[in-house]
Protein backbone atom coordinates (compact mmCIF):
# COMPACT_ATOMS: atom_id res chain seq x y z
CA UNK A 1 84.52 59.99 127.64
CA UNK A 2 84.67 63.77 128.00
CA UNK A 3 88.23 63.76 126.67
CA UNK A 4 87.15 61.73 123.63
CA UNK A 5 84.21 64.06 122.99
CA UNK A 6 86.38 67.15 123.42
CA UNK A 7 89.03 65.67 121.16
CA UNK A 8 86.46 64.89 118.49
CA UNK A 9 85.12 68.45 118.63
CA UNK A 10 88.63 69.86 118.35
CA UNK A 11 89.35 67.62 115.36
CA UNK A 12 86.15 68.76 113.61
CA UNK A 13 86.97 72.42 114.32
CA UNK A 14 90.52 71.89 113.11
CA UNK A 15 89.36 70.25 109.90
CA UNK A 16 86.85 73.07 109.33
CA UNK A 17 89.52 75.74 109.84
CA UNK A 18 91.90 73.83 107.55
CA UNK A 19 89.13 73.55 104.96
CA UNK A 20 88.35 77.26 105.11
CA UNK A 21 92.02 78.19 104.69
CA UNK A 22 92.51 75.66 101.88
CA UNK A 23 89.40 76.62 99.94
CA UNK A 24 90.04 80.31 100.53
CA UNK A 25 93.44 80.00 98.89
CA UNK A 26 92.01 77.74 96.18
CA UNK A 27 89.28 80.27 95.44
CA UNK A 28 91.84 83.05 94.85
CA UNK A 29 93.85 80.86 92.47
CA UNK A 30 90.73 79.57 90.74
CA UNK A 31 89.35 83.08 90.17
CA UNK A 32 92.63 84.12 88.55
CA UNK A 33 92.60 81.02 86.35
CA UNK A 34 88.98 81.56 85.33
CA UNK A 35 89.64 85.18 84.32
CA UNK A 36 92.59 84.08 82.20
CA UNK A 37 90.54 81.28 80.57
CA UNK A 38 87.63 83.63 79.87
CA UNK A 39 89.89 86.22 78.26
CA UNK A 40 91.48 83.59 76.02
CA UNK A 41 88.07 82.24 75.05
CA UNK A 42 86.71 85.72 74.29
CA UNK A 43 89.76 86.49 72.17
CA UNK A 44 89.44 83.25 70.19
CA UNK A 45 85.77 83.99 69.51
CA UNK A 46 86.50 87.59 68.44
CA UNK A 47 84.23 88.95 71.18
CA UNK A 48 85.31 92.56 71.95
CA UNK A 49 85.25 92.02 75.73
CA UNK A 50 88.05 91.65 78.24
CA UNK A 51 88.10 91.04 82.02
CA UNK A 52 90.60 92.47 84.48
CA UNK A 53 90.85 91.97 88.24
CA UNK A 54 91.19 95.33 90.00
CA UNK A 55 91.55 94.13 93.58
CA UNK A 56 91.44 91.05 95.81
CA UNK A 57 91.23 91.34 99.60
CA UNK A 58 91.60 87.93 101.21
CA UNK A 59 89.91 87.15 104.54
CA UNK A 60 89.35 84.08 106.68
CA UNK A 61 85.69 83.20 106.01
CA UNK A 62 85.33 85.32 102.91
CA UNK A 63 87.22 87.55 100.51
CA UNK A 64 86.30 90.62 98.49
CA UNK A 65 87.20 91.24 94.88
CA UNK A 66 86.44 93.80 92.19
CA UNK A 67 86.74 93.00 88.49
CA UNK A 68 86.30 95.22 85.46
CA UNK A 69 84.63 94.31 82.17
CA UNK A 70 85.80 96.36 79.19
CA UNK A 71 83.80 96.31 75.96
CA UNK A 72 85.76 97.56 72.96
CA UNK A 73 83.46 99.70 70.81
CA UNK A 74 85.83 100.36 67.92
CA UNK A 75 86.27 104.07 67.29
CA UNK A 76 84.01 104.94 70.23
CA UNK A 77 84.94 105.12 73.88
CA UNK A 78 85.12 101.71 75.53
CA UNK A 79 82.21 100.67 77.75
CA UNK A 80 83.44 99.79 81.24
CA UNK A 81 81.47 97.87 83.88
CA UNK A 82 82.88 97.21 87.36
CA UNK A 83 81.63 94.15 89.24
CA UNK A 84 81.89 93.67 93.02
CA UNK A 85 82.40 90.11 94.24
CA UNK A 86 81.99 88.60 97.70
CA UNK A 87 83.79 85.25 97.76
CA UNK A 88 82.79 82.81 100.50
CA UNK A 89 85.26 80.06 101.42
CA UNK A 90 84.08 76.45 101.63
CA UNK A 91 83.39 73.80 102.51
CA UNK A 92 80.44 75.13 104.58
CA UNK A 93 79.36 78.71 103.82
CA UNK A 94 76.73 81.00 105.29
CA UNK A 95 75.80 83.31 102.39
CA UNK A 96 73.07 85.95 101.98
CA UNK A 97 71.09 83.38 99.97
CA UNK A 98 71.44 80.67 102.64
CA UNK A 99 73.74 77.90 103.79
CA UNK A 100 75.80 76.34 100.98
CA UNK A 101 78.20 73.41 100.67
CA UNK A 102 81.00 73.63 98.12
CA UNK A 103 84.54 74.74 97.36
CA UNK A 104 83.55 78.42 97.22
CA UNK A 105 80.62 80.69 96.38
CA UNK A 106 80.90 84.05 94.60
CA UNK A 107 78.12 86.60 94.99
CA UNK A 108 78.51 89.34 92.37
CA UNK A 109 76.85 92.70 91.75
CA UNK A 110 77.58 94.87 88.68
CA UNK A 111 78.07 98.53 89.56
CA UNK A 112 75.26 99.85 87.38
CA UNK A 113 75.25 103.21 89.19
CA UNK A 114 78.82 103.95 88.06
CA UNK A 115 78.04 102.76 84.54
CA UNK A 116 75.08 105.12 84.22
CA UNK A 117 76.57 108.01 86.17
CA UNK A 118 76.61 110.36 83.17
CA UNK A 119 73.35 109.18 81.59
CA UNK A 120 70.27 111.39 81.66
CA UNK A 121 67.53 110.18 84.05
CA UNK A 122 69.94 107.53 85.40
CA UNK A 123 69.23 108.35 89.05
CA UNK A 124 65.49 108.06 88.55
CA UNK A 125 66.02 104.72 86.84
CA UNK A 126 68.20 103.38 89.67
CA UNK A 127 65.78 104.62 92.33
CA UNK A 128 63.12 102.34 90.85
CA UNK A 129 65.11 99.29 92.11
CA UNK A 130 65.42 98.21 95.77
CA UNK A 131 68.82 99.26 97.14
CA UNK A 132 69.57 100.67 93.65
CA UNK A 133 70.95 97.27 92.55
CA UNK A 134 69.26 96.12 89.33
CA UNK A 135 71.38 93.00 88.78
CA UNK A 136 72.94 90.41 91.06
CA UNK A 137 74.04 86.82 90.87
CA UNK A 138 76.08 84.03 92.31
CA UNK A 139 78.37 81.16 91.32
CA UNK A 140 78.96 77.98 93.35
CA UNK A 141 81.76 75.52 92.62
CA UNK A 142 80.73 72.13 93.96
CA UNK A 143 83.08 69.89 95.92
CA UNK A 144 82.73 66.89 93.62
CA UNK A 145 82.52 68.55 90.22
CA UNK A 146 79.87 70.63 88.55
CA UNK A 147 78.81 74.18 89.23
CA UNK A 148 75.68 76.15 90.03
CA UNK A 149 74.91 79.76 89.24
CA UNK A 150 72.04 82.15 89.67
CA UNK A 151 71.16 85.51 88.16
CA UNK A 152 68.47 87.96 89.24
CA UNK A 153 66.95 91.15 87.87
CA UNK A 154 65.37 93.00 90.80
CA UNK A 155 61.70 94.00 90.78
CA UNK A 156 61.07 97.62 89.83
CA UNK A 157 58.48 100.30 89.22
CA UNK A 158 59.37 103.08 86.82
CA UNK A 159 57.00 105.97 86.17
CA UNK A 160 56.99 109.19 84.20
CA UNK A 161 54.33 111.55 82.91
CA UNK A 162 53.33 109.22 80.08
CA UNK A 163 53.46 105.68 81.47
CA UNK A 164 54.19 103.37 84.35
CA UNK A 165 56.18 100.13 84.01
CA UNK A 166 56.24 97.53 86.79
CA UNK A 167 58.00 94.18 87.16
CA UNK A 168 56.82 92.31 90.24
CA UNK A 169 59.16 89.84 91.96
CA UNK A 170 61.82 90.44 89.30
CA UNK A 171 63.33 87.74 87.10
CA UNK A 172 65.27 84.98 88.86
CA UNK A 173 67.21 82.21 87.15
CA UNK A 174 68.91 79.27 88.85
CA UNK A 175 71.08 76.85 86.88
CA UNK A 176 73.40 73.90 87.36
CA UNK A 177 75.79 72.27 84.92
CA UNK A 178 78.92 70.20 84.53
CA UNK A 179 82.40 71.72 84.47
CA UNK A 180 82.20 72.56 80.75
CA UNK A 181 78.49 73.48 80.73
CA UNK A 182 77.83 70.79 78.12
CA UNK A 183 74.84 69.91 80.31
CA UNK A 184 72.53 72.49 81.83
CA UNK A 185 69.56 72.24 84.13
CA UNK A 186 67.65 75.23 85.41
CA UNK A 187 64.58 77.33 86.00
CA UNK A 188 63.80 80.95 85.23
CA UNK A 189 60.92 82.62 87.09
CA UNK A 190 59.54 85.74 85.40
CA UNK A 191 57.56 88.08 87.62
CA UNK A 192 54.29 89.68 86.51
CA UNK A 193 54.92 92.61 84.15
CA UNK A 194 52.60 95.58 83.63
CA UNK A 195 52.54 98.72 81.51
CA UNK A 196 49.97 101.43 82.05
CA UNK A 197 49.68 104.36 79.67
CA UNK A 198 48.63 107.91 80.31
CA UNK A 199 45.02 108.23 81.54
CA UNK A 200 44.77 104.41 81.30
CA UNK A 201 44.43 104.66 77.50
CA UNK A 202 46.65 101.58 77.25
CA UNK A 203 47.27 98.84 79.77
CA UNK A 204 49.23 95.63 79.31
CA UNK A 205 49.34 92.93 81.99
CA UNK A 206 51.54 89.86 81.53
CA UNK A 207 51.14 87.26 84.27
CA UNK A 208 54.05 85.56 86.01
CA UNK A 209 55.60 82.76 83.95
CA UNK A 210 58.15 79.97 84.26
CA UNK A 211 60.81 78.52 81.95
CA UNK A 212 62.35 75.16 82.85
CA UNK A 213 65.19 73.45 81.02
CA UNK A 214 66.94 70.11 81.20
CA UNK A 215 69.62 70.21 78.50
CA UNK A 216 71.42 66.89 78.46
CA UNK A 217 73.86 67.85 75.68
CA UNK A 218 74.79 71.32 74.49
CA UNK A 219 77.26 72.40 71.83
CA UNK A 220 78.39 75.92 70.91
CA UNK A 221 75.58 77.45 72.91
CA UNK A 222 72.84 75.38 71.22
CA UNK A 223 70.80 72.51 72.64
CA UNK A 224 71.39 69.17 70.91
CA UNK A 225 69.37 67.01 73.27
CA UNK A 226 67.12 67.92 76.17
CA UNK A 227 63.84 69.51 77.07
CA UNK A 228 62.51 73.07 77.39
CA UNK A 229 59.13 74.06 78.82
CA UNK A 230 57.59 77.52 79.17
CA UNK A 231 54.22 78.35 80.74
CA UNK A 232 52.44 81.72 80.89
CA UNK A 233 48.94 82.00 82.32
CA UNK A 234 47.70 85.11 80.54
CA UNK A 235 48.34 88.31 78.63
CA UNK A 236 45.71 91.06 78.85
CA UNK A 237 45.75 94.21 76.72
CA UNK A 238 43.29 97.05 77.27
CA UNK A 239 43.19 99.67 74.54
CA UNK A 240 40.62 102.07 73.13
CA UNK A 241 37.89 100.80 75.44
CA UNK A 242 38.30 97.11 74.55
CA UNK A 243 39.93 94.23 76.39
CA UNK A 244 41.89 91.57 74.50
CA UNK A 245 43.29 88.52 76.28
CA UNK A 246 45.21 85.33 75.60
CA UNK A 247 45.14 82.54 78.20
CA UNK A 248 47.00 79.28 78.65
CA UNK A 249 50.20 79.97 76.71
CA UNK A 250 52.71 77.11 76.66
CA UNK A 251 55.85 76.27 74.69
CA UNK A 252 57.39 72.79 74.88
CA UNK A 253 60.42 71.38 73.10
CA UNK A 254 62.02 67.93 73.29
CA UNK A 255 65.16 66.76 71.44
CA UNK A 256 67.03 63.46 71.52
CA UNK A 257 69.11 61.23 69.25
CA UNK A 258 69.36 57.67 67.97
CA UNK A 259 71.33 55.80 65.30
CA UNK A 260 69.51 57.74 62.56
CA UNK A 261 70.50 61.13 64.00
CA UNK A 262 68.80 63.84 66.02
CA UNK A 263 65.03 63.91 66.39
CA UNK A 264 62.53 65.93 68.35
CA UNK A 265 59.33 67.91 68.52
CA UNK A 266 58.04 71.27 69.65
CA UNK A 267 54.64 72.84 70.15
CA UNK A 268 53.27 76.28 70.93
CA UNK A 269 49.74 76.54 72.33
CA UNK A 270 47.33 79.37 73.14
CA UNK A 271 44.28 77.80 74.79
CA UNK A 272 42.05 80.86 74.48
CA UNK A 273 42.14 84.05 72.39
CA UNK A 274 39.27 86.38 73.26
CA UNK A 275 38.19 90.02 72.98
CA UNK A 276 35.18 92.16 73.73
CA UNK A 277 35.93 94.26 70.65
CA UNK A 278 32.87 94.54 68.36
CA UNK A 279 34.87 93.76 65.20
CA UNK A 280 36.32 90.59 66.74
CA UNK A 281 32.93 89.39 67.94
CA UNK A 282 31.38 90.10 64.55
CA UNK A 283 33.83 87.61 63.00
CA UNK A 284 34.02 85.02 65.79
CA UNK A 285 31.12 83.92 67.96
CA UNK A 286 33.35 82.44 70.67
CA UNK A 287 37.01 82.48 71.78
CA UNK A 288 39.64 81.03 69.46
CA UNK A 289 42.46 78.62 70.22
CA UNK A 290 45.76 78.14 68.43
CA UNK A 291 48.32 75.35 68.22
CA UNK A 292 51.57 75.06 66.28
CA UNK A 293 53.51 71.78 66.02
CA UNK A 294 56.89 70.88 64.59
CA UNK A 295 58.44 67.40 64.45
CA UNK A 296 61.70 66.26 62.88
CA UNK A 297 63.92 63.19 62.60
CA UNK A 298 67.08 62.07 60.84
CA UNK A 299 69.02 65.29 61.44
CA UNK A 300 72.75 64.68 60.98
CA UNK A 301 74.44 65.28 64.34
CA UNK A 302 77.86 66.31 63.00
CA UNK A 303 76.32 68.75 60.51
CA UNK A 304 74.19 70.17 63.33
CA UNK A 305 77.28 70.72 65.48
CA UNK A 306 79.04 72.53 62.64
CA UNK A 307 75.98 74.68 62.05
CA UNK A 308 75.86 75.56 65.79
CA UNK A 309 79.52 76.64 65.71
CA UNK A 310 79.02 78.87 62.66
CA UNK A 311 75.82 80.30 64.13
CA UNK A 312 77.57 81.07 67.43
CA UNK A 313 80.44 82.80 65.62
CA UNK A 314 78.01 84.88 63.57
CA UNK A 315 76.11 85.90 66.71
CA UNK A 316 79.30 86.92 68.50
CA UNK A 317 80.37 89.06 65.57
CA UNK A 318 76.94 90.64 65.42
CA UNK A 319 76.98 91.45 69.14
CA UNK A 320 80.45 92.92 68.75
CA UNK A 321 79.29 95.14 65.90
CA UNK A 322 76.27 96.33 67.89
CA UNK A 323 78.37 97.13 70.96
CA UNK A 324 80.74 99.04 68.71
CA UNK A 325 77.88 101.33 67.61
CA UNK A 326 78.67 100.58 63.97
CA UNK A 327 76.24 101.96 61.42
CA UNK A 328 73.88 99.79 59.39
CA UNK A 329 76.24 99.52 56.41
CA UNK A 330 78.87 97.91 58.64
CA UNK A 331 76.33 95.39 59.92
CA UNK A 332 75.19 94.60 56.38
CA UNK A 333 78.81 94.08 55.35
CA UNK A 334 79.32 91.77 58.30
CA UNK A 335 76.25 89.74 57.28
CA UNK A 336 77.39 89.49 53.66
CA UNK A 337 80.75 88.09 54.74
CA UNK A 338 79.14 85.33 56.80
CA UNK A 339 75.87 84.59 55.04
CA UNK A 340 77.39 82.13 52.57
CA UNK A 341 78.97 79.98 55.29
CA UNK A 342 75.72 80.15 57.26
CA UNK A 343 73.61 79.04 54.28
CA UNK A 344 76.04 76.26 53.39
CA UNK A 345 75.84 74.96 56.95
CA UNK A 346 72.03 74.88 56.73
CA UNK A 347 72.21 73.08 53.37
CA UNK A 348 74.50 70.44 54.84
CA UNK A 349 71.71 69.46 57.26
CA UNK A 350 69.57 68.17 54.37
CA UNK A 351 70.38 64.57 53.51
CA UNK A 352 68.65 61.20 53.15
CA UNK A 353 66.54 60.36 56.18
CA UNK A 354 65.68 63.96 57.09
CA UNK A 355 61.96 64.34 57.67
CA UNK A 356 59.95 67.10 59.24
CA UNK A 357 56.30 67.86 59.82
CA UNK A 358 55.14 71.43 60.43
CA UNK A 359 51.60 72.63 60.96
CA UNK A 360 49.25 74.90 62.84
CA UNK A 361 45.56 74.95 63.61
CA UNK A 362 43.19 77.75 64.57
CA UNK A 363 40.14 76.48 66.39
CA UNK A 364 36.74 77.87 67.36
CA UNK A 365 34.63 75.49 69.40
CA UNK A 366 34.45 72.20 67.48
CA UNK A 367 35.58 73.82 64.22
CA UNK A 368 39.20 74.13 63.13
CA UNK A 369 41.24 75.43 60.23
CA UNK A 370 44.89 74.93 59.56
CA UNK A 371 47.98 74.31 57.50
CA UNK A 372 50.28 71.26 57.47
CA UNK A 373 53.51 70.45 55.62
CA UNK A 374 55.25 67.06 55.58
CA UNK A 375 58.74 66.97 54.01
CA UNK A 376 60.90 63.90 53.32
CA UNK A 377 64.32 64.01 51.63
CA UNK A 378 64.41 60.61 49.92
CA UNK A 379 67.42 60.84 47.60
CA UNK A 380 70.56 58.92 48.53
CA UNK A 381 72.66 62.07 48.07
CA UNK A 382 72.31 65.16 50.23
CA UNK A 383 71.41 68.68 49.19
CA UNK A 384 75.09 69.69 48.99
CA UNK A 385 75.61 67.06 46.29
CA UNK A 386 72.99 68.62 44.04
CA UNK A 387 74.26 70.93 41.32
CA UNK A 388 71.05 72.36 39.82
CA UNK A 389 67.49 73.26 40.82
CA UNK A 390 66.19 70.31 38.78
CA UNK A 391 68.31 67.86 40.79
CA UNK A 392 66.97 69.30 44.05
CA UNK A 393 63.32 69.08 42.94
CA UNK A 394 63.68 65.38 42.11
CA UNK A 395 65.21 64.51 45.50
CA UNK A 396 62.34 64.97 47.95
CA UNK A 397 58.67 64.38 48.66
CA UNK A 398 56.26 66.84 50.22
CA UNK A 399 52.61 66.94 51.20
CA UNK A 400 50.94 70.32 51.84
CA UNK A 401 47.38 70.55 53.19
CA UNK A 402 45.22 73.60 53.93
CA UNK A 403 41.69 73.54 55.30
CA UNK A 404 39.23 76.22 56.42
CA UNK A 405 36.11 75.20 58.33
CA UNK A 406 32.93 76.88 57.14
CA UNK A 407 32.26 78.02 60.72
CA UNK A 408 34.98 80.63 60.18
CA UNK A 409 33.25 82.35 57.25
CA UNK A 410 29.60 81.27 57.23
CA UNK A 411 27.32 84.27 57.72
CA UNK A 412 30.20 86.77 57.50
CA UNK A 413 31.50 89.15 54.86
CA UNK A 414 34.10 86.52 53.97
CA UNK A 415 31.57 83.87 52.88
CA UNK A 416 31.66 84.83 49.18
CA UNK A 417 35.39 85.50 49.25
CA UNK A 418 36.06 82.01 50.66
CA UNK A 419 34.56 80.44 47.51
CA UNK A 420 37.03 82.15 45.18
CA UNK A 421 39.82 79.52 45.61
CA UNK A 422 37.24 76.82 44.78
CA UNK A 423 36.10 78.58 41.61
CA UNK A 424 39.74 79.10 40.53
CA UNK A 425 40.57 75.41 41.05
CA UNK A 426 42.99 75.93 43.93
CA UNK A 427 40.69 74.29 46.52
CA UNK A 428 37.69 71.96 46.73
CA UNK A 429 34.48 72.30 48.71
CA UNK A 430 33.70 69.73 51.42
CA UNK A 431 30.98 69.26 54.01
CA UNK A 432 33.23 70.92 56.59
CA UNK A 433 34.30 73.87 54.42
CA UNK A 434 37.08 74.11 51.86
CA UNK A 435 40.43 72.35 51.60
CA UNK A 436 43.41 72.08 49.29
CA UNK A 437 46.19 69.51 48.97
CA UNK A 438 49.44 69.70 47.00
CA UNK A 439 51.42 66.46 46.63
CA UNK A 440 55.00 66.73 45.45
CA UNK A 441 56.76 63.47 44.54
CA UNK A 442 60.34 63.79 43.27
CA UNK A 443 59.56 66.49 40.73
CA UNK A 444 55.91 65.66 40.01
CA UNK A 445 53.33 68.07 41.44
CA UNK A 446 49.63 67.36 41.82
CA UNK A 447 47.14 69.91 43.16
CA UNK A 448 43.94 68.29 44.46
CA UNK A 449 44.72 65.25 42.32
CA UNK A 450 45.38 67.15 39.10
CA UNK A 451 48.91 67.36 37.60
CA UNK A 452 50.55 70.79 37.51
CA UNK A 453 53.17 71.31 34.73
CA UNK A 454 55.17 73.80 36.77
CA UNK A 455 58.50 72.75 35.21
CA UNK A 456 57.36 74.09 31.84
CA UNK A 457 56.95 77.51 33.41
CA UNK A 458 60.36 77.45 35.12
CA UNK A 459 62.28 76.97 31.86
CA UNK A 460 66.03 77.54 32.01
CA UNK A 461 65.88 78.18 35.76
CA UNK A 462 65.72 74.43 36.33
CA UNK A 463 69.27 73.93 35.11
CA UNK A 464 70.92 76.92 36.76
CA UNK A 465 73.81 76.01 39.03
CA UNK A 466 73.30 76.29 42.77
CA UNK A 467 75.66 78.58 44.76
CA UNK A 468 77.79 75.75 46.19
CA UNK A 469 78.22 74.19 42.69
CA UNK A 470 79.74 77.34 41.20
């Protein structure tokens, strides 16, 4: 029995040693392959960044590597960032962030001290971070496909004679995705952030917040389907003897697809907006609340993918121009070269079946005021098939509503002013306050039930050719 037990232990140890050696060698090869793939991808996307491995020291349980990121800044000196990497060999790894199971795990730390060595006040900036390491992260390659990575900005406190800036608990993001990152799941925890001005004349306190994401399909850096949620408890600003605060801030977004195309919704909510400022309290007797909603359906998936690709390319070129320290004229020239393709891609999204509903409300107690727009492209042909403004105007329906509750202006200096739209015929008075509705039906416009001959005022503009028709 003892021989069997001893033999089993030796087999397990042997397999573990074999696994460490195998995955250690695989990690070295994989790192080389990843650097080559990244450089090719960056070159294809015209991103002025290249990666070079400076050293690789292989060990039994772990290896050490140093890579160098070089950002080409055109006529200016290149920006160089060295990154230290500790590579832990699988399958079972004891890392600084805990025990991990996988092919290998890379813990990386950019050498910010070397990057900022010649910058003024750089040492004071670095001293505000624990161990003088502002950024760190890690990458885990799983045994059965998929990968995890994490990124952290360390907490800091930076002070000078004029202000103090503090980030508690830092910012920590943890993510997981498939091999191509077409799916992404993760959480970002933002620590509490505070700014305090000289002699406490200004103070800003932003509570800790959380962003969660479950992206089930991503293309060209944009989410096609999935869910995003962000929650922030409060923002408090103290200035000039008054305190202003916003509580209960949330942002939620959900996207999916069916046979008709992509659909989804998003909302942004502030549960309470309050202030002890005399001017604010003179206008509002109690805290306000705000909500913004957006819903859409029938968005062409292929057109959305093409738009995401063009948008990603434009962003990369913009980042490259900014890193190159180009002046504003160069950036404007860059925008002019790409704006047409960008606008055409947006236009291609508009076709039969596309509907969206956008609106916001501002509430005070039981009273509310707001704006709402419902749009429906009903023509069989899409926007790109239209040649003139007249053809576009006869291809869609829209319903625009605006309402203002009398609680927002009754007994204030705005009470008389609020009646002006009613007297001019742009709005009607109701028991609740005032409201206005514009109905647009394939070229016909009615404002509060009355026809508006807007086409007579547009004249020759109606038959001007659109950019893509020229």
